[in-house]
């Protein structure tokens, strides 16, 4: 077993994104790091967290019976949430996550298209 106690805490980021080793970082160091983010980084993080909120909210509303899986709102929330995860995952080089969310987005886009198509055919039949 290796003794890592003598090593200084690492604050370097891996190319895979937010996999920073925060164990040795103080809150002050984390805030300094965040204050150095570029506009692009802020955009990617906000879009990613927005996607997370949308997907979780969609699931919460589905589980609470407030939405159905066939509702347009549920599908659109999933499509937009997956888009946020794709942008964030791609930027952080989290390719498996980005790939999963491309598939998630495609499933939601197809379901959205079918819902809209069904609504259009039911209103034109009148």
N, C-alpha and C. Protein backbone atom coordinates (compact mmCIF):
# COMPACT_ATOMS: atom_id res chain seq x y z
N UNK A 1 0.84 -1.17 0.00
CA UNK A 1 0.00 0.00 0.00
C UNK A 1 0.89 1.24 0.00
N UNK A 2 0.58 2.19 -0.85
CA UNK A 2 1.40 3.39 -0.97
C UNK A 2 1.00 4.41 0.08
N UNK A 3 2.01 5.13 0.54
CA UNK A 3 1.76 6.21 1.50
C UNK A 3 1.73 7.52 0.73
N UNK A 4 0.55 8.09 0.61
CA UNK A 4 0.38 9.34 -0.13
C UNK A 4 0.31 10.55 0.79
N UNK A 5 0.51 10.33 2.08
CA UNK A 5 0.34 11.42 3.03
C UNK A 5 1.40 12.50 2.89
N UNK A 6 2.57 12.16 2.31
CA UNK A 6 3.64 13.15 2.20
C UNK A 6 3.48 14.01 0.96
N UNK A 7 2.61 13.64 0.06
CA UNK A 7 2.41 14.41 -1.16
C UNK A 7 1.54 15.62 -0.89
N UNK A 8 1.85 16.70 -1.56
CA UNK A 8 1.04 17.91 -1.45
C UNK A 8 -0.30 17.67 -2.14
N UNK A 9 -1.37 18.26 -1.63
CA UNK A 9 -2.67 18.09 -2.27
C UNK A 9 -2.63 18.60 -3.70
N UNK A 10 -3.23 17.83 -4.58
CA UNK A 10 -3.24 18.21 -6.00
C UNK A 10 -4.47 19.04 -6.30
N UNK A 11 -4.27 20.12 -6.99
CA UNK A 11 -5.40 20.96 -7.40
C UNK A 11 -5.50 21.02 -8.92
N UNK A 12 -4.74 20.14 -9.60
CA UNK A 12 -4.76 20.19 -11.06
C UNK A 12 -6.03 19.53 -11.59
N UNK A 13 -6.45 20.01 -12.76
CA UNK A 13 -7.63 19.47 -13.40
C UNK A 13 -7.21 18.48 -14.47
N UNK A 14 -7.94 17.42 -14.58
CA UNK A 14 -7.71 16.48 -15.65
C UNK A 14 -8.43 16.98 -16.89
N UNK A 15 -8.06 16.43 -18.04
CA UNK A 15 -8.72 16.84 -19.28
C UNK A 15 -10.17 16.40 -19.31
N UNK A 16 -10.57 15.48 -18.44
CA UNK A 16 -11.95 15.00 -18.44
C UNK A 16 -12.90 15.97 -17.75
N UNK A 17 -12.44 17.13 -17.35
CA UNK A 17 -13.35 18.14 -16.83
C UNK A 17 -13.23 18.39 -15.36
N UNK A 18 -14.39 18.48 -14.71
CA UNK A 18 -14.43 18.85 -13.30
C UNK A 18 -14.09 17.68 -12.39
N UNK A 19 -13.02 16.99 -12.70
CA UNK A 19 -12.59 15.90 -11.83
C UNK A 19 -11.41 16.37 -11.00
N UNK A 20 -11.49 17.61 -10.55
CA UNK A 20 -10.42 18.18 -9.73
C UNK A 20 -10.35 17.44 -8.42
N UNK A 21 -9.18 17.34 -7.91
CA UNK A 21 -9.00 16.72 -6.60
C UNK A 21 -9.13 17.83 -5.56
N UNK A 22 -10.33 17.96 -5.04
CA UNK A 22 -10.63 19.08 -4.14
C UNK A 22 -10.31 18.77 -2.68
N UNK A 23 -9.87 17.57 -2.39
CA UNK A 23 -9.66 17.17 -1.00
C UNK A 23 -8.77 18.13 -0.23
N UNK A 24 -7.74 18.64 -0.87
CA UNK A 24 -6.80 19.51 -0.17
C UNK A 24 -7.05 20.99 -0.40
N UNK A 25 -8.11 21.34 -1.10
CA UNK A 25 -8.38 22.74 -1.41
C UNK A 25 -9.29 23.37 -0.36
N UNK A 26 -8.98 24.58 0.00
CA UNK A 26 -9.86 25.30 0.92
C UNK A 26 -10.97 25.96 0.10
N UNK A 27 -12.00 26.41 0.77
CA UNK A 27 -13.09 27.12 0.10
C UNK A 27 -12.53 28.34 -0.62
N UNK A 28 -11.59 29.01 -0.01
CA UNK A 28 -10.98 30.19 -0.62
C UNK A 28 -10.29 29.83 -1.94
N UNK A 29 -9.56 28.70 -1.95
CA UNK A 29 -8.88 28.28 -3.18
C UNK A 29 -9.88 27.92 -4.27
N UNK A 30 -10.97 27.28 -3.89
CA UNK A 30 -12.00 26.92 -4.87
C UNK A 30 -12.62 28.18 -5.45
N UNK A 31 -12.91 29.18 -4.60
CA UNK A 31 -13.50 30.42 -5.09
C UNK A 31 -12.54 31.18 -6.00
N UNK A 32 -11.26 31.14 -5.69
CA UNK A 32 -10.27 31.78 -6.57
C UNK A 32 -10.26 31.08 -7.93
N UNK A 33 -10.32 29.76 -7.91
CA UNK A 33 -10.36 29.01 -9.16
C UNK A 33 -11.58 29.40 -9.99
N UNK A 34 -12.74 29.45 -9.36
CA UNK A 34 -13.98 29.80 -10.06
C UNK A 34 -13.91 31.23 -10.60
N UNK A 35 -13.30 32.13 -9.84
CA UNK A 35 -13.21 33.52 -10.30
C UNK A 35 -12.34 33.67 -11.54
N UNK A 36 -11.52 32.67 -11.84
CA UNK A 36 -10.66 32.71 -13.02
C UNK A 36 -11.29 32.05 -14.24
N UNK A 37 -12.53 31.59 -14.12
CA UNK A 37 -13.19 30.94 -15.25
C UNK A 37 -13.42 31.94 -16.38
N UNK A 38 -13.30 31.45 -17.59
CA UNK A 38 -13.58 32.27 -18.78
C UNK A 38 -15.09 32.36 -18.98
N UNK A 39 -15.50 33.25 -19.85
CA UNK A 39 -16.92 33.36 -20.20
C UNK A 39 -17.43 32.06 -20.79
N UNK A 40 -16.60 31.42 -21.60
CA UNK A 40 -16.97 30.14 -22.19
C UNK A 40 -17.21 29.10 -21.10
N UNK A 41 -16.34 29.04 -20.13
CA UNK A 41 -16.48 28.08 -19.03
C UNK A 41 -17.76 28.33 -18.24
N UNK A 42 -18.05 29.61 -17.94
CA UNK A 42 -19.28 29.94 -17.24
C UNK A 42 -20.49 29.49 -18.03
N UNK A 43 -20.49 29.74 -19.34
CA UNK A 43 -21.59 29.33 -20.20
C UNK A 43 -21.79 27.81 -20.13
N UNK A 44 -20.69 27.06 -20.28
CA UNK A 44 -20.76 25.59 -20.26
C UNK A 44 -21.31 25.09 -18.93
N UNK A 45 -20.86 25.66 -17.83
CA UNK A 45 -21.32 25.21 -16.51
C UNK A 45 -22.79 25.56 -16.29
N UNK A 46 -23.19 26.77 -16.66
CA UNK A 46 -24.59 27.18 -16.49
C UNK A 46 -25.51 26.31 -17.34
N UNK A 47 -25.11 26.06 -18.59
CA UNK A 47 -25.92 25.22 -19.47
C UNK A 47 -26.01 23.79 -18.91
N UNK A 48 -24.90 23.28 -18.39
CA UNK A 48 -24.89 21.93 -17.81
C UNK A 48 -25.79 21.83 -16.59
N UNK A 49 -25.68 22.79 -15.68
CA UNK A 49 -26.54 22.78 -14.48
C UNK A 49 -28.00 23.02 -14.85
N UNK A 50 -28.23 23.86 -15.85
CA UNK A 50 -29.61 24.08 -16.32
C UNK A 50 -30.19 22.79 -16.87
N UNK A 51 -29.39 22.04 -17.61
CA UNK A 51 -29.83 20.74 -18.12
C UNK A 51 -30.16 19.78 -17.00
N UNK A 52 -29.32 19.77 -15.97
CA UNK A 52 -29.56 18.89 -14.83
C UNK A 52 -30.88 19.25 -14.14
N UNK A 53 -31.11 20.53 -13.95
CA UNK A 53 -32.35 20.99 -13.31
C UNK A 53 -33.56 20.57 -14.14
N UNK A 54 -33.49 20.76 -15.46
CA UNK A 54 -34.62 20.41 -16.32
C UNK A 54 -34.93 18.91 -16.27
N UNK A 55 -33.90 18.08 -16.36
CA UNK A 55 -34.13 16.63 -16.35
C UNK A 55 -34.66 16.18 -15.00
N UNK A 56 -34.10 16.70 -13.92
CA UNK A 56 -34.60 16.33 -12.60
C UNK A 56 -36.02 16.82 -12.36
N UNK A 57 -36.31 18.03 -12.81
CA UNK A 57 -37.67 18.57 -12.67
C UNK A 57 -38.67 17.75 -13.48
N UNK A 58 -38.28 17.36 -14.69
CA UNK A 58 -39.16 16.53 -15.52
C UNK A 58 -39.45 15.21 -14.82
N UNK A 59 -38.42 14.60 -14.25
CA UNK A 59 -38.59 13.32 -13.56
C UNK A 59 -39.44 13.49 -12.30
N UNK A 60 -39.22 14.56 -11.57
CA UNK A 60 -40.01 14.84 -10.37
C UNK A 60 -41.49 15.00 -10.73
N UNK A 61 -41.76 15.80 -11.76
CA UNK A 61 -43.15 16.03 -12.18
C UNK A 61 -43.80 14.75 -12.71
N UNK A 62 -43.02 13.92 -13.40
CA UNK A 62 -43.54 12.64 -13.88
C UNK A 62 -43.86 11.73 -12.70
N UNK A 63 -42.94 11.64 -11.76
CA UNK A 63 -43.12 10.77 -10.59
C UNK A 63 -44.27 11.24 -9.71
N UNK A 64 -44.50 12.54 -9.65
CA UNK A 64 -45.59 13.09 -8.84
C UNK A 64 -46.93 13.03 -9.56
N UNK A 65 -46.92 12.56 -10.79
CA UNK A 65 -48.17 12.45 -11.55
C UNK A 65 -48.63 13.77 -12.15
N UNK A 66 -47.79 14.77 -12.15
CA UNK A 66 -48.16 16.08 -12.72
C UNK A 66 -47.96 16.12 -14.23
N UNK A 67 -47.10 15.25 -14.75
CA UNK A 67 -46.88 15.12 -16.19
C UNK A 67 -46.95 13.64 -16.55
N UNK A 68 -47.19 13.36 -17.82
CA UNK A 68 -47.10 11.99 -18.32
C UNK A 68 -45.92 11.91 -19.27
N UNK A 69 -45.50 10.70 -19.54
CA UNK A 69 -44.41 10.51 -20.48
C UNK A 69 -44.76 10.94 -21.89
N UNK A 70 -46.04 11.05 -22.17
CA UNK A 70 -46.50 11.47 -23.49
C UNK A 70 -46.85 12.96 -23.56
N UNK A 71 -46.52 13.70 -22.50
CA UNK A 71 -46.81 15.14 -22.53
C UNK A 71 -45.68 15.87 -23.24
N UNK A 72 -46.05 16.89 -23.98
CA UNK A 72 -45.07 17.69 -24.71
C UNK A 72 -44.10 18.36 -23.75
N UNK A 73 -44.59 18.85 -22.63
CA UNK A 73 -43.73 19.52 -21.65
C UNK A 73 -42.64 18.57 -21.14
N UNK A 74 -43.01 17.34 -20.83
CA UNK A 74 -42.04 16.36 -20.33
C UNK A 74 -40.95 16.09 -21.36
N UNK A 75 -41.36 15.88 -22.60
CA UNK A 75 -40.39 15.57 -23.65
C UNK A 75 -39.47 16.76 -23.95
N UNK A 76 -40.04 17.97 -23.99
CA UNK A 76 -39.23 19.16 -24.27
C UNK A 76 -38.23 19.40 -23.13
N UNK A 77 -38.65 19.21 -21.90
CA UNK A 77 -37.72 19.36 -20.77
C UNK A 77 -36.56 18.38 -20.88
N UNK A 78 -36.85 17.15 -21.30
CA UNK A 78 -35.79 16.16 -21.47
C UNK A 78 -34.87 16.50 -22.64
N UNK A 79 -35.43 16.98 -23.73
CA UNK A 79 -34.61 17.34 -24.89
C UNK A 79 -33.68 18.50 -24.54
N UNK A 80 -34.23 19.53 -23.92
CA UNK A 80 -33.40 20.69 -23.56
C UNK A 80 -32.37 20.32 -22.48
N UNK A 81 -32.77 19.50 -21.53
CA UNK A 81 -31.84 19.06 -20.49
C UNK A 81 -30.70 18.23 -21.07
N UNK A 82 -31.03 17.32 -21.98
CA UNK A 82 -30.00 16.52 -22.64
C UNK A 82 -29.07 17.40 -23.45
N UNK A 83 -29.60 18.42 -24.12
CA UNK A 83 -28.75 19.35 -24.89
C UNK A 83 -27.75 20.04 -23.96
N UNK A 84 -28.20 20.44 -22.79
CA UNK A 84 -27.30 21.06 -21.81
C UNK A 84 -26.21 20.10 -21.37
N UNK A 85 -26.59 18.85 -21.13
CA UNK A 85 -25.60 17.83 -20.74
C UNK A 85 -24.62 17.52 -21.87
N UNK A 86 -25.10 17.55 -23.11
CA UNK A 86 -24.22 17.29 -24.25
C UNK A 86 -23.15 18.37 -24.34
N UNK A 87 -23.57 19.62 -24.25
CA UNK A 87 -22.61 20.74 -24.32
C UNK A 87 -21.60 20.63 -23.19
N UNK A 88 -22.09 20.41 -21.97
CA UNK A 88 -21.21 20.32 -20.81
C UNK A 88 -20.29 19.10 -20.90
N UNK A 89 -20.85 17.96 -21.23
CA UNK A 89 -20.06 16.74 -21.32
C UNK A 89 -19.01 16.80 -22.41
N UNK A 90 -19.36 17.36 -23.55
CA UNK A 90 -18.41 17.46 -24.66
C UNK A 90 -17.26 18.40 -24.27
N UNK A 91 -17.59 19.53 -23.65
CA UNK A 91 -16.57 20.51 -23.27
C UNK A 91 -15.59 19.91 -22.27
N UNK A 92 -16.12 19.09 -21.36
CA UNK A 92 -15.28 18.46 -20.34
C UNK A 92 -14.66 17.14 -20.82
N UNK A 93 -14.89 16.81 -22.06
CA UNK A 93 -14.37 15.58 -22.67
C UNK A 93 -14.91 14.32 -21.98
N UNK A 94 -16.13 14.42 -21.50
CA UNK A 94 -16.80 13.26 -20.90
C UNK A 94 -17.63 12.60 -22.01
N UNK A 95 -16.93 11.92 -22.90
CA UNK A 95 -17.54 11.39 -24.12
C UNK A 95 -18.65 10.36 -23.82
N UNK A 96 -18.49 9.44 -22.87
CA UNK A 96 -19.61 8.53 -22.59
C UNK A 96 -20.88 9.26 -22.16
N UNK A 97 -20.74 10.27 -21.32
CA UNK A 97 -21.89 11.04 -20.87
C UNK A 97 -22.51 11.82 -22.04
N UNK A 98 -21.67 12.44 -22.85
CA UNK A 98 -22.17 13.19 -24.00
C UNK A 98 -22.90 12.25 -24.98
N UNK A 99 -22.34 11.07 -25.20
CA UNK A 99 -22.96 10.10 -26.10
C UNK A 99 -24.31 9.64 -25.58
N UNK A 100 -24.37 9.31 -24.29
CA UNK A 100 -25.63 8.92 -23.67
C UNK A 100 -26.68 10.01 -23.87
N UNK A 101 -26.28 11.25 -23.69
CA UNK A 101 -27.23 12.35 -23.79
C UNK A 101 -27.62 12.68 -25.23
N UNK A 102 -26.76 12.36 -26.20
CA UNK A 102 -27.16 12.48 -27.61
C UNK A 102 -28.31 11.49 -27.87
N UNK A 103 -28.15 10.27 -27.37
CA UNK A 103 -29.20 9.26 -27.54
C UNK A 103 -30.47 9.70 -26.81
N UNK A 104 -30.31 10.21 -25.58
CA UNK A 104 -31.45 10.69 -24.79
C UNK A 104 -32.18 11.80 -25.56
N UNK A 105 -31.41 12.73 -26.12
CA UNK A 105 -32.00 13.83 -26.89
C UNK A 105 -32.75 13.30 -28.11
N UNK A 106 -32.16 12.35 -28.82
CA UNK A 106 -32.82 11.79 -30.01
C UNK A 106 -34.14 11.11 -29.66
N UNK A 107 -34.12 10.34 -28.56
CA UNK A 107 -35.36 9.69 -28.12
C UNK A 107 -36.42 10.74 -27.81
N UNK A 108 -36.03 11.77 -27.07
CA UNK A 108 -36.97 12.84 -26.73
C UNK A 108 -37.43 13.62 -27.95
N UNK A 109 -36.53 13.85 -28.90
CA UNK A 109 -36.90 14.59 -30.11
C UNK A 109 -37.90 13.79 -30.94
N UNK A 110 -37.70 12.49 -31.05
CA UNK A 110 -38.64 11.65 -31.79
C UNK A 110 -40.00 11.64 -31.09
N UNK A 111 -39.99 11.49 -29.77
CA UNK A 111 -41.25 11.51 -29.01
C UNK A 111 -41.95 12.86 -29.16
N UNK A 112 -41.19 13.95 -29.11
CA UNK A 112 -41.76 15.29 -29.28
C UNK A 112 -42.39 15.42 -30.65
N UNK A 113 -41.67 14.98 -31.67
CA UNK A 113 -42.19 15.05 -33.04
C UNK A 113 -43.48 14.25 -33.18
N UNK A 114 -43.53 13.05 -32.57
CA UNK A 114 -44.73 12.22 -32.64
C UNK A 114 -45.91 12.88 -31.92
N UNK A 115 -45.65 13.52 -30.78
CA UNK A 115 -46.71 14.21 -30.04
C UNK A 115 -47.25 15.36 -30.87
N UNK A 116 -46.36 16.15 -31.45
CA UNK A 116 -46.78 17.29 -32.27
C UNK A 116 -47.54 16.81 -33.50
N UNK A 117 -47.04 15.74 -34.13
CA UNK A 117 -47.69 15.17 -35.31
C UNK A 117 -49.09 14.68 -34.97
N UNK A 118 -49.22 14.00 -33.81
CA UNK A 118 -50.52 13.49 -33.37
C UNK A 118 -51.49 14.63 -33.11
N UNK A 119 -50.99 15.70 -32.47
CA UNK A 119 -51.84 16.88 -32.20
C UNK A 119 -52.30 17.53 -33.50
N UNK A 120 -51.40 17.60 -34.47
CA UNK A 120 -51.74 18.22 -35.75
C UNK A 120 -52.78 17.42 -36.50
N UNK A 121 -52.68 16.10 -36.46
CA UNK A 121 -53.63 15.25 -37.18
C UNK A 121 -54.99 15.24 -36.47
N UNK A 122 -55.00 15.39 -35.15
CA UNK A 122 -56.28 15.39 -34.43
C UNK A 122 -57.02 16.72 -34.62
N UNK A 123 -56.29 17.82 -34.79
CA UNK A 123 -56.95 19.11 -35.00
C UNK A 123 -57.36 19.29 -36.45
N UNK A 124 -56.66 18.66 -37.40
CA UNK A 124 -57.03 18.79 -38.80
C UNK A 124 -58.20 17.89 -39.16
N UNK A 125 -58.51 16.92 -38.29
CA UNK A 125 -59.63 16.01 -38.55
C UNK A 125 -60.96 16.66 -38.21
N UNK A 126 -60.93 17.80 -37.54
CA UNK A 126 -62.18 18.45 -37.13
C UNK A 126 -62.83 19.18 -38.26
